[in-house]
N, C-alpha and C. Protein backbone atom coordinates (compact mmCIF):
# COMPACT_ATOMS: atom_id res chain seq x y z
N UNK A 1 29.83 39.06 -5.92
CA UNK A 1 29.41 38.12 -6.80
C UNK A 1 28.76 36.97 -6.19
N UNK A 2 29.31 36.75 -4.98
CA UNK A 2 28.68 35.54 -4.11
C UNK A 2 27.13 35.91 -3.52
N UNK A 3 27.26 37.08 -3.08
CA UNK A 3 26.08 37.73 -2.46
C UNK A 3 25.00 38.09 -3.29
N UNK A 4 25.38 38.37 -4.66
CA UNK A 4 24.39 38.41 -5.66
C UNK A 4 23.69 36.99 -5.80
N UNK A 5 24.45 36.11 -5.92
CA UNK A 5 24.05 34.66 -6.37
C UNK A 5 23.02 34.29 -4.97
N UNK A 6 23.94 34.30 -3.85
CA UNK A 6 23.04 33.96 -2.90
C UNK A 6 21.62 34.67 -2.65
N UNK A 7 21.60 36.15 -3.04
CA UNK A 7 20.24 36.87 -3.08
C UNK A 7 19.30 36.12 -3.99
N UNK A 8 19.83 35.97 -5.47
CA UNK A 8 18.97 35.51 -6.29
C UNK A 8 18.36 34.12 -6.19
N UNK A 9 19.40 33.27 -5.47
CA UNK A 9 18.87 31.94 -5.10
C UNK A 9 18.00 32.10 -4.06
N UNK A 10 18.01 32.73 -3.08
CA UNK A 10 16.92 32.92 -2.07
C UNK A 10 15.51 33.61 -2.60
N UNK A 11 15.70 34.62 -3.68
CA UNK A 11 14.56 34.96 -4.46
C UNK A 11 13.85 33.85 -5.02
N UNK A 12 14.52 32.92 -5.80
CA UNK A 12 13.96 31.90 -6.50
C UNK A 12 13.01 30.94 -5.43
N UNK A 13 13.87 30.64 -4.21
CA UNK A 13 13.28 29.74 -3.36
C UNK A 13 11.99 30.49 -2.87
N UNK A 14 11.76 31.86 -2.58
CA UNK A 14 10.84 32.56 -2.17
C UNK A 14 9.50 32.36 -3.06
N UNK A 15 9.96 32.75 -4.39
CA UNK A 15 9.11 32.56 -5.40
C UNK A 15 8.32 31.14 -5.62
N UNK A 16 9.21 30.08 -5.37
CA UNK A 16 8.64 28.72 -5.37
C UNK A 16 7.73 28.53 -4.25
N UNK A 17 7.98 29.05 -3.12
CA UNK A 17 7.28 28.74 -1.87
C UNK A 17 6.00 29.62 -2.08
N UNK A 18 5.88 30.71 -2.35
CA UNK A 18 4.72 31.62 -2.70
C UNK A 18 3.82 31.04 -3.59
N UNK A 19 4.33 30.48 -4.81
CA UNK A 19 3.29 30.07 -5.82
C UNK A 19 3.26 28.53 -5.62
N UNK A 20 2.68 27.97 -4.62
CA UNK A 20 2.43 26.63 -4.55
C UNK A 20 1.08 26.39 -5.04
N UNK A 21 0.28 27.22 -5.40
CA UNK A 21 -1.08 26.90 -5.80
C UNK A 21 -1.25 26.09 -6.87
N UNK A 22 -2.30 25.10 -6.84
CA UNK A 22 -2.39 24.04 -7.86
C UNK A 22 -3.31 24.52 -9.08
N UNK A 23 -3.69 25.66 -9.12
CA UNK A 23 -4.69 26.21 -10.21
C UNK A 23 -4.02 26.79 -11.34
N UNK A 24 -3.62 26.11 -12.28
CA UNK A 24 -3.08 26.45 -13.44
C UNK A 24 -1.61 26.29 -13.52
N UNK A 25 -0.96 26.68 -14.83
CA UNK A 25 0.38 26.43 -14.95
C UNK A 25 1.24 27.59 -14.07
N UNK A 26 2.33 27.44 -13.85
CA UNK A 26 3.10 28.46 -13.16
C UNK A 26 3.66 29.04 -14.25
N UNK A 27 3.65 30.57 -13.94
CA UNK A 27 4.37 31.16 -15.08
C UNK A 27 5.83 31.27 -14.97
N UNK A 28 6.53 31.56 -16.18
CA UNK A 28 7.97 31.64 -16.28
C UNK A 28 8.44 32.72 -15.51
N UNK A 29 9.56 32.59 -14.76
CA UNK A 29 10.22 33.77 -14.37
C UNK A 29 10.69 34.85 -15.10
N UNK A 30 10.63 35.98 -14.63
CA UNK A 30 10.89 37.16 -15.42
C UNK A 30 12.37 37.42 -15.38
N UNK A 31 12.85 37.48 -16.76
CA UNK A 31 14.09 37.85 -16.86
C UNK A 31 14.76 38.87 -15.74
N UNK A 32 16.02 38.69 -15.36
CA UNK A 32 16.62 39.49 -14.31
C UNK A 32 17.20 40.85 -15.17
N UNK A 33 16.94 42.01 -14.62
CA UNK A 33 17.44 43.09 -15.41
C UNK A 33 18.83 43.53 -14.95
N UNK A 34 19.55 43.57 -16.06
CA UNK A 34 20.90 43.83 -16.14
C UNK A 34 21.35 45.30 -16.56
N UNK A 35 21.67 46.10 -15.84
CA UNK A 35 22.02 47.45 -16.38
C UNK A 35 23.41 47.28 -17.03
N UNK A 36 23.58 48.46 -17.77
CA UNK A 36 24.69 48.79 -18.49
C UNK A 36 26.07 48.59 -17.64
N UNK A 37 25.78 49.04 -16.37
CA UNK A 37 26.86 49.29 -15.36
C UNK A 37 27.09 47.65 -15.02
N UNK A 38 26.34 46.82 -14.84
CA UNK A 38 26.74 45.43 -14.46
C UNK A 38 27.38 44.76 -15.44
N UNK A 39 27.08 45.04 -16.71
CA UNK A 39 27.73 44.28 -18.07
C UNK A 39 29.05 45.16 -17.88
N UNK A 40 29.45 46.06 -17.58
CA UNK A 40 30.75 46.77 -17.83
C UNK A 40 31.52 46.20 -16.54
N UNK A 41 30.89 46.01 -15.43
CA UNK A 41 31.54 45.82 -14.00
C UNK A 41 32.07 44.31 -14.52
N UNK A 42 31.22 43.51 -15.18
CA UNK A 42 31.56 42.14 -15.58
C UNK A 42 32.66 41.77 -16.35
N UNK A 43 32.82 42.90 -17.42
CA UNK A 43 33.80 43.17 -18.40
C UNK A 43 35.07 43.35 -17.62
N UNK A 44 35.02 44.32 -16.50
CA UNK A 44 36.34 44.72 -15.88
C UNK A 44 36.75 43.58 -15.17
N UNK A 45 36.08 42.75 -14.44
CA UNK A 45 36.22 41.56 -13.78
C UNK A 45 36.91 40.41 -14.67
N UNK A 46 36.19 40.23 -15.71
CA UNK A 46 36.99 39.32 -16.72
C UNK A 46 38.22 39.87 -17.15
N UNK A 47 38.68 40.92 -17.44
CA UNK A 47 39.89 41.22 -17.69
C UNK A 47 40.77 41.18 -16.66
N UNK A 48 40.39 41.70 -15.56
CA UNK A 48 41.24 41.21 -14.09
C UNK A 48 41.84 39.84 -14.06
N UNK A 49 40.92 38.95 -14.51
CA UNK A 49 41.04 37.41 -14.35
C UNK A 49 42.15 37.12 -15.38
N UNK A 50 42.24 37.64 -16.31
CA UNK A 50 43.09 37.35 -17.50
C UNK A 50 44.71 37.45 -17.19
N UNK A 51 45.33 36.44 -17.73
CA UNK A 51 46.96 36.43 -17.69
C UNK A 51 47.27 37.90 -18.34
N UNK A 52 48.49 38.20 -18.07
CA UNK A 52 49.17 39.28 -18.75
C UNK A 52 49.28 39.11 -20.30
N UNK A 53 49.31 37.94 -20.75
CA UNK A 53 49.69 37.65 -22.26
C UNK A 53 48.26 37.81 -22.67
N UNK A 54 46.93 37.15 -22.09
CA UNK A 54 45.84 37.16 -22.70
C UNK A 54 45.11 38.68 -22.69
N UNK A 55 45.62 39.40 -21.61
CA UNK A 55 45.25 40.93 -21.61
C UNK A 55 45.63 41.70 -22.46
N UNK A 56 46.91 41.53 -22.95
CA UNK A 56 47.61 42.11 -23.89
C UNK A 56 47.02 41.58 -25.45
N UNK A 57 46.56 40.55 -25.50
CA UNK A 57 46.09 40.11 -26.85
C UNK A 57 44.72 40.63 -26.79
N UNK A 58 43.92 40.69 -25.74
CA UNK A 58 42.76 41.53 -25.81
C UNK A 58 42.74 42.89 -26.19
N UNK A 59 43.85 43.69 -25.69
CA UNK A 59 44.01 44.95 -26.00
C UNK A 59 44.41 45.05 -27.39
N UNK A 60 45.22 44.34 -27.86
CA UNK A 60 45.76 44.32 -29.21
C UNK A 60 44.49 44.18 -30.13
N UNK A 61 43.61 43.21 -29.89
CA UNK A 61 42.39 42.88 -30.60
C UNK A 61 41.58 44.19 -30.94
N UNK A 62 41.39 44.93 -29.69
CA UNK A 62 40.57 46.09 -29.65
C UNK A 62 41.14 47.18 -30.54
N UNK A 63 42.62 47.23 -30.34
CA UNK A 63 43.36 48.35 -31.16
C UNK A 63 43.23 48.26 -32.67
N UNK A 64 43.13 46.83 -33.14
CA UNK A 64 42.95 46.63 -34.50
C UNK A 64 41.55 46.96 -34.86
N UNK A 65 40.63 47.31 -34.37
CA UNK A 65 39.08 47.40 -34.60
C UNK A 65 39.13 48.58 -35.59
N UNK A 66 38.84 48.68 -36.84
CA UNK A 66 38.62 50.04 -37.71
C UNK A 66 37.37 50.61 -37.39
N UNK A 67 37.49 51.95 -37.21
CA UNK A 67 36.21 52.46 -36.95
C UNK A 67 35.41 52.05 -35.81
N UNK A 68 36.11 52.24 -34.44
CA UNK A 68 35.42 51.64 -33.29
C UNK A 68 34.20 52.49 -32.77
N UNK A 69 33.24 51.79 -32.31
CA UNK A 69 32.08 52.42 -31.68
C UNK A 69 32.43 52.86 -30.35
N UNK A 70 31.70 53.52 -29.56
CA UNK A 70 32.06 54.19 -28.31
C UNK A 70 32.23 53.05 -27.32
N UNK A 71 31.51 52.07 -27.63
CA UNK A 71 31.62 50.87 -26.64
C UNK A 71 33.05 50.11 -26.88
N UNK A 72 33.38 50.17 -28.16
CA UNK A 72 34.84 49.51 -28.43
C UNK A 72 35.76 50.44 -27.87
N UNK A 73 35.78 51.67 -27.81
CA UNK A 73 36.64 52.58 -27.23
C UNK A 73 36.62 52.55 -25.71
N UNK A 74 35.70 52.07 -25.16
CA UNK A 74 35.30 51.90 -23.84
C UNK A 74 36.08 50.64 -23.46
N UNK A 75 35.90 49.83 -24.10
CA UNK A 75 36.46 48.61 -23.84
C UNK A 75 38.08 48.47 -24.02
N UNK A 76 38.35 49.17 -24.95
CA UNK A 76 40.01 49.50 -25.09
C UNK A 76 40.42 50.42 -23.89
N UNK A 77 39.59 51.31 -23.47
CA UNK A 77 40.14 52.14 -22.47
C UNK A 77 40.39 51.42 -21.13
N UNK A 78 39.15 50.43 -20.93
CA UNK A 78 39.36 49.51 -19.72
C UNK A 78 40.30 48.43 -19.63
N UNK A 79 40.59 47.90 -21.02
CA UNK A 79 41.59 46.91 -21.03
C UNK A 79 43.03 47.59 -20.75
N UNK A 80 42.92 48.81 -21.32
CA UNK A 80 44.24 49.54 -21.02
C UNK A 80 44.67 50.10 -19.58
N UNK A 81 43.56 50.30 -18.99
CA UNK A 81 43.36 50.65 -17.61
C UNK A 81 43.79 49.45 -16.76
N UNK A 82 43.20 48.08 -16.91
CA UNK A 82 43.58 47.15 -16.27
C UNK A 82 44.94 46.81 -16.47
N UNK A 83 45.55 46.75 -17.72
CA UNK A 83 46.92 46.73 -17.99
C UNK A 83 47.79 47.69 -16.86
N UNK A 84 47.31 48.79 -16.94
CA UNK A 84 48.11 49.80 -16.16
C UNK A 84 48.11 49.66 -14.71
N UNK A 85 46.98 49.11 -14.22
CA UNK A 85 46.86 48.85 -12.67
C UNK A 85 47.59 47.61 -12.26
N UNK A 86 47.61 46.51 -13.39
CA UNK A 86 48.46 45.38 -13.11
C UNK A 86 49.97 45.81 -13.19
N UNK A 87 50.30 46.74 -14.10
CA UNK A 87 51.70 47.29 -13.82
C UNK A 87 51.91 48.29 -12.89
N UNK A 88 51.02 48.75 -12.17
CA UNK A 88 50.88 49.59 -10.93
C UNK A 88 51.50 50.93 -11.31
N UNK A 89 50.96 51.28 -12.71
CA UNK A 89 50.85 52.52 -13.34
C UNK A 89 49.49 53.38 -12.99
N UNK A 90 49.46 53.69 -11.76
CA UNK A 90 48.25 54.18 -11.29
C UNK A 90 47.88 55.71 -12.01
N UNK A 91 48.79 56.46 -12.20
CA UNK A 91 48.53 57.69 -12.82
C UNK A 91 48.00 57.44 -14.21
N UNK A 92 48.72 56.63 -14.77
CA UNK A 92 48.06 56.26 -16.30
C UNK A 92 46.69 55.66 -16.22
N UNK A 93 46.58 54.97 -15.28
CA UNK A 93 45.26 54.28 -15.32
C UNK A 93 44.11 55.37 -15.06
N UNK A 94 44.45 56.44 -14.34
CA UNK A 94 43.40 57.36 -13.65
C UNK A 94 43.27 58.11 -15.11
N UNK A 95 44.34 58.64 -15.75
CA UNK A 95 44.06 59.39 -16.98
C UNK A 95 43.24 58.62 -18.17
N UNK A 96 43.32 57.33 -18.32
CA UNK A 96 42.57 56.62 -19.04
C UNK A 96 41.18 56.74 -18.73
N UNK A 97 40.80 56.36 -17.41
CA UNK A 97 39.60 56.40 -16.95
C UNK A 97 38.98 57.57 -17.06
N UNK A 98 39.53 58.79 -17.01
CA UNK A 98 39.15 60.26 -16.87
C UNK A 98 38.72 60.36 -18.47
N UNK A 99 39.40 59.97 -19.51
CA UNK A 99 39.15 60.11 -20.88
C UNK A 99 37.99 59.47 -21.29
N UNK A 100 38.00 58.15 -20.61
CA UNK A 100 36.88 57.18 -20.99
C UNK A 100 35.35 57.80 -20.51
N UNK A 101 35.55 58.35 -19.47
CA UNK A 101 34.28 58.89 -18.81
C UNK A 101 33.87 59.84 -19.64
N UNK A 102 34.80 60.92 -20.14
CA UNK A 102 34.44 62.10 -20.99
C UNK A 102 33.81 61.67 -22.22
N UNK A 103 34.19 60.44 -22.76
CA UNK A 103 33.58 60.03 -24.10
C UNK A 103 32.30 59.51 -23.76
N UNK A 104 31.69 59.04 -22.85
CA UNK A 104 30.44 58.41 -22.65
C UNK A 104 29.30 59.50 -22.73
N UNK A 105 28.47 59.47 -23.65
CA UNK A 105 27.19 60.33 -23.85
C UNK A 105 26.10 59.53 -23.06
N UNK A 106 25.31 60.50 -22.64
CA UNK A 106 24.15 60.16 -21.89
C UNK A 106 24.49 59.13 -20.73
N UNK A 107 23.52 57.98 -20.70
CA UNK A 107 23.57 56.96 -19.65
C UNK A 107 24.27 57.43 -18.40
N UNK A 108 23.50 58.10 -17.47
CA UNK A 108 24.05 58.50 -16.43
C UNK A 108 24.76 57.34 -15.35
N UNK A 109 23.96 56.18 -15.39
CA UNK A 109 24.45 55.19 -14.54
C UNK A 109 25.96 54.82 -14.95
N UNK A 110 26.38 54.51 -16.10
CA UNK A 110 27.64 53.96 -16.57
C UNK A 110 28.57 55.34 -16.13
N UNK A 111 28.34 56.56 -16.49
CA UNK A 111 29.11 57.81 -16.26
C UNK A 111 29.42 57.67 -14.83
N UNK A 112 28.35 57.52 -13.92
CA UNK A 112 28.67 57.55 -12.47
C UNK A 112 29.53 56.36 -12.17
N UNK A 113 29.25 55.23 -12.87
CA UNK A 113 30.24 54.09 -12.20
C UNK A 113 31.72 54.23 -12.65
N UNK A 114 31.88 54.83 -14.03
CA UNK A 114 33.27 55.11 -14.45
C UNK A 114 33.88 56.24 -13.46
N UNK A 115 32.82 57.36 -12.97
CA UNK A 115 33.47 58.20 -12.09
C UNK A 115 33.96 57.49 -10.74
N UNK A 116 33.14 56.63 -10.01
CA UNK A 116 33.31 55.89 -9.03
C UNK A 116 34.59 55.00 -9.10
N UNK A 117 34.82 54.30 -10.14
CA UNK A 117 35.89 53.54 -10.50
C UNK A 117 37.16 54.53 -10.55
N UNK A 118 37.23 55.58 -11.27
CA UNK A 118 38.22 56.45 -11.48
C UNK A 118 38.43 57.27 -10.10
N UNK A 119 37.64 57.38 -9.03
CA UNK A 119 37.97 57.95 -7.88
C UNK A 119 38.68 56.93 -6.94
N UNK A 120 38.41 55.40 -7.29
CA UNK A 120 39.16 54.46 -6.61
C UNK A 120 40.59 54.40 -7.02
N UNK A 121 40.72 54.56 -8.39
CA UNK A 121 42.02 54.54 -9.06
C UNK A 121 42.59 55.87 -8.57
N UNK A 122 41.94 57.04 -8.44
CA UNK A 122 42.64 58.02 -8.10
C UNK A 122 43.14 57.91 -6.65
N UNK A 123 42.40 57.15 -5.82
CA UNK A 123 43.02 57.05 -4.27
C UNK A 123 44.29 56.21 -4.37
N UNK A 124 44.41 55.28 -5.38
CA UNK A 124 45.63 54.43 -5.60
C UNK A 124 46.82 55.36 -6.04
N UNK A 125 46.26 56.46 -7.03
CA UNK A 125 47.65 57.37 -7.33
C UNK A 125 47.94 58.29 -6.05
N UNK A 126 47.18 58.71 -5.19
CA UNK A 126 47.50 59.33 -3.84
C UNK A 126 48.34 58.32 -3.18
N UNK A 127 47.85 57.13 -2.92
CA UNK A 127 48.62 56.17 -2.11
C UNK A 127 50.16 55.72 -2.65
N UNK A 128 49.94 55.84 -3.86
CA UNK A 128 51.10 55.45 -4.75
C UNK A 128 52.32 56.67 -4.37
N UNK A 129 51.72 58.09 -4.38
CA UNK A 129 52.60 59.23 -4.20
C UNK A 129 53.11 58.97 -2.89
N UNK A 130 52.09 58.78 -1.69
CA UNK A 130 52.72 58.74 -0.21
C UNK A 130 53.62 57.64 -0.01
N UNK A 131 53.55 56.47 -0.76
CA UNK A 131 54.51 55.37 -0.68
C UNK A 131 55.59 56.03 -1.25
N UNK A 132 55.85 56.46 -2.29
CA UNK A 132 57.08 57.07 -2.82
C UNK A 132 57.66 57.97 -1.94
N UNK A 133 56.91 59.01 -1.55
CA UNK A 133 57.50 59.99 -0.30
C UNK A 133 57.95 59.04 0.80
N UNK A 134 57.23 58.38 1.31
CA UNK A 134 57.95 57.63 2.30
C UNK A 134 58.92 56.68 2.29
N UNK A 135 59.06 56.17 0.96
CA UNK A 135 60.60 55.48 0.64
C UNK A 135 61.59 56.44 0.41
N UNK A 136 61.42 57.55 -0.08
CA UNK A 136 62.24 58.70 -0.11
C UNK A 136 62.84 59.02 1.29
N UNK A 137 61.87 59.28 2.34
CA UNK A 137 62.20 59.64 3.66
C UNK A 137 63.00 58.38 4.29
N UNK A 138 62.66 57.23 3.93
CA UNK A 138 63.41 56.07 4.54
C UNK A 138 64.81 55.96 4.16
N UNK A 139 64.94 56.00 2.80
CA UNK A 139 66.33 56.26 2.36
C UNK A 139 67.08 57.32 2.96
N UNK A 140 66.45 58.40 3.08
CA UNK A 140 67.34 59.43 3.72
C UNK A 140 67.79 59.24 5.16
N UNK A 141 66.83 58.69 5.77
CA UNK A 141 66.92 58.26 7.27
C UNK A 141 68.10 57.13 7.29
N UNK A 142 68.09 56.24 6.50
CA UNK A 142 69.07 55.09 6.31
C UNK A 142 70.34 55.68 6.24
N UNK A 143 70.45 56.89 5.25
CA UNK A 143 71.74 57.35 5.15
C UNK A 143 72.27 58.16 6.25
N UNK A 144 71.45 58.66 6.89
CA UNK A 144 71.66 59.49 8.30
C UNK A 144 72.23 58.40 9.23
N UNK A 145 71.35 57.33 9.39
CA UNK A 145 71.68 56.39 10.17
C UNK A 145 73.34 55.83 9.90
N UNK A 146 73.61 55.76 8.82
CA UNK A 146 74.87 55.01 8.39
C UNK A 146 75.87 56.30 8.74
N UNK A 147 75.43 57.37 8.56
CA UNK A 147 76.54 58.40 8.90
C UNK A 147 76.92 58.40 10.35
N UNK A 148 75.86 58.43 11.29
CA UNK A 148 75.78 58.37 12.59
C UNK A 148 76.90 57.14 13.02
N UNK A 149 76.55 56.11 12.51
CA UNK A 149 77.09 54.99 12.63
C UNK A 149 78.90 54.96 12.36
N UNK A 150 78.94 55.59 11.29
CA UNK A 150 80.35 55.78 10.86
C UNK A 150 81.10 56.96 11.93
N UNK A 151 80.33 57.89 12.11
CA UNK A 151 80.90 58.61 13.23
C UNK A 151 81.04 58.10 14.53
N UNK A 152 80.14 57.25 15.02
CA UNK A 152 80.47 56.36 16.27
C UNK A 152 81.67 55.42 16.16
N UNK A 153 81.93 54.83 15.11
CA UNK A 153 82.80 53.86 14.83
C UNK A 153 84.43 54.72 14.79
N UNK A 154 84.26 55.78 14.07
CA UNK A 154 85.50 56.86 14.22
C UNK A 154 85.77 57.22 15.57
N UNK A 155 84.79 57.56 16.35
CA UNK A 155 84.96 58.16 17.87
C UNK A 155 85.59 56.89 18.43
N UNK A 156 85.10 55.74 18.13
CA UNK A 156 85.52 54.58 19.24
C UNK A 156 86.83 54.20 18.68
N UNK A 157 87.35 54.43 17.61
CA UNK A 157 88.69 53.94 16.95
C UNK A 157 89.55 54.96 17.59
N UNK A 158 89.33 56.41 17.72
CA UNK A 158 90.03 57.45 18.19
C UNK A 158 90.41 57.11 19.74
N UNK A 159 89.15 56.75 20.43
CA UNK A 159 89.31 56.62 21.64
C UNK A 159 90.24 55.46 22.13
N UNK A 160 90.25 54.45 21.34
CA UNK A 160 91.10 53.32 21.53
C UNK A 160 92.62 53.81 21.17
N UNK A 161 92.90 54.54 20.25
CA UNK A 161 94.27 54.87 19.86
C UNK A 161 94.74 55.84 21.00
N UNK A 162 93.83 56.83 21.39
CA UNK A 162 94.37 57.69 22.69
C UNK A 162 94.60 56.89 23.99
N UNK A 163 93.87 55.67 24.10
CA UNK A 163 93.99 54.77 25.41
C UNK A 163 95.32 54.25 25.06
N UNK A 164 95.70 53.68 23.93
CA UNK A 164 96.88 53.02 23.57
C UNK A 164 98.07 54.12 23.71
N UNK A 165 97.84 55.30 23.26
CA UNK A 165 99.10 56.27 23.39
C UNK A 165 99.30 56.77 24.83
N UNK A 166 98.63 56.63 25.79
CA UNK A 166 98.51 57.16 27.13
C UNK A 166 99.31 55.90 27.85
N UNK A 167 100.48 56.34 28.62
CA UNK A 167 101.34 55.44 29.36
C UNK A 167 100.28 54.92 30.78
């Protein structure tokens, strides 16, 4: 976001330097093109900035819409997705994004962005599975270490008893 701002500020500075001619009024700057993708990215960034309560309120508001359009359904999906990501339910978030991507008609840029976003969430799903496996292995190793420690303690106690029993 900062680099975009810096880029735009630089462009405006260059435009003002290039058009210093005194012959006639300066034309108004052309509006900056905003694609559907940038609008949706901004929406997701805004959702991520919300508190959990505000996010739930937005999600509930979107759920109450009667006869939602495709963009209302996409907003609902993205709000649900952000809630799932904040709750670390990456599998659910991945499923939501897959369903949302399937509902988009046309607009290949938006579909491409949703697929890319879905791939990132898919990577989180994979990392979550790997983390769960590592936790399971750690627990198993801790149990084995405890068992070895218990065996070592028993051997040490037996050794002491036999040393006491010997004259």
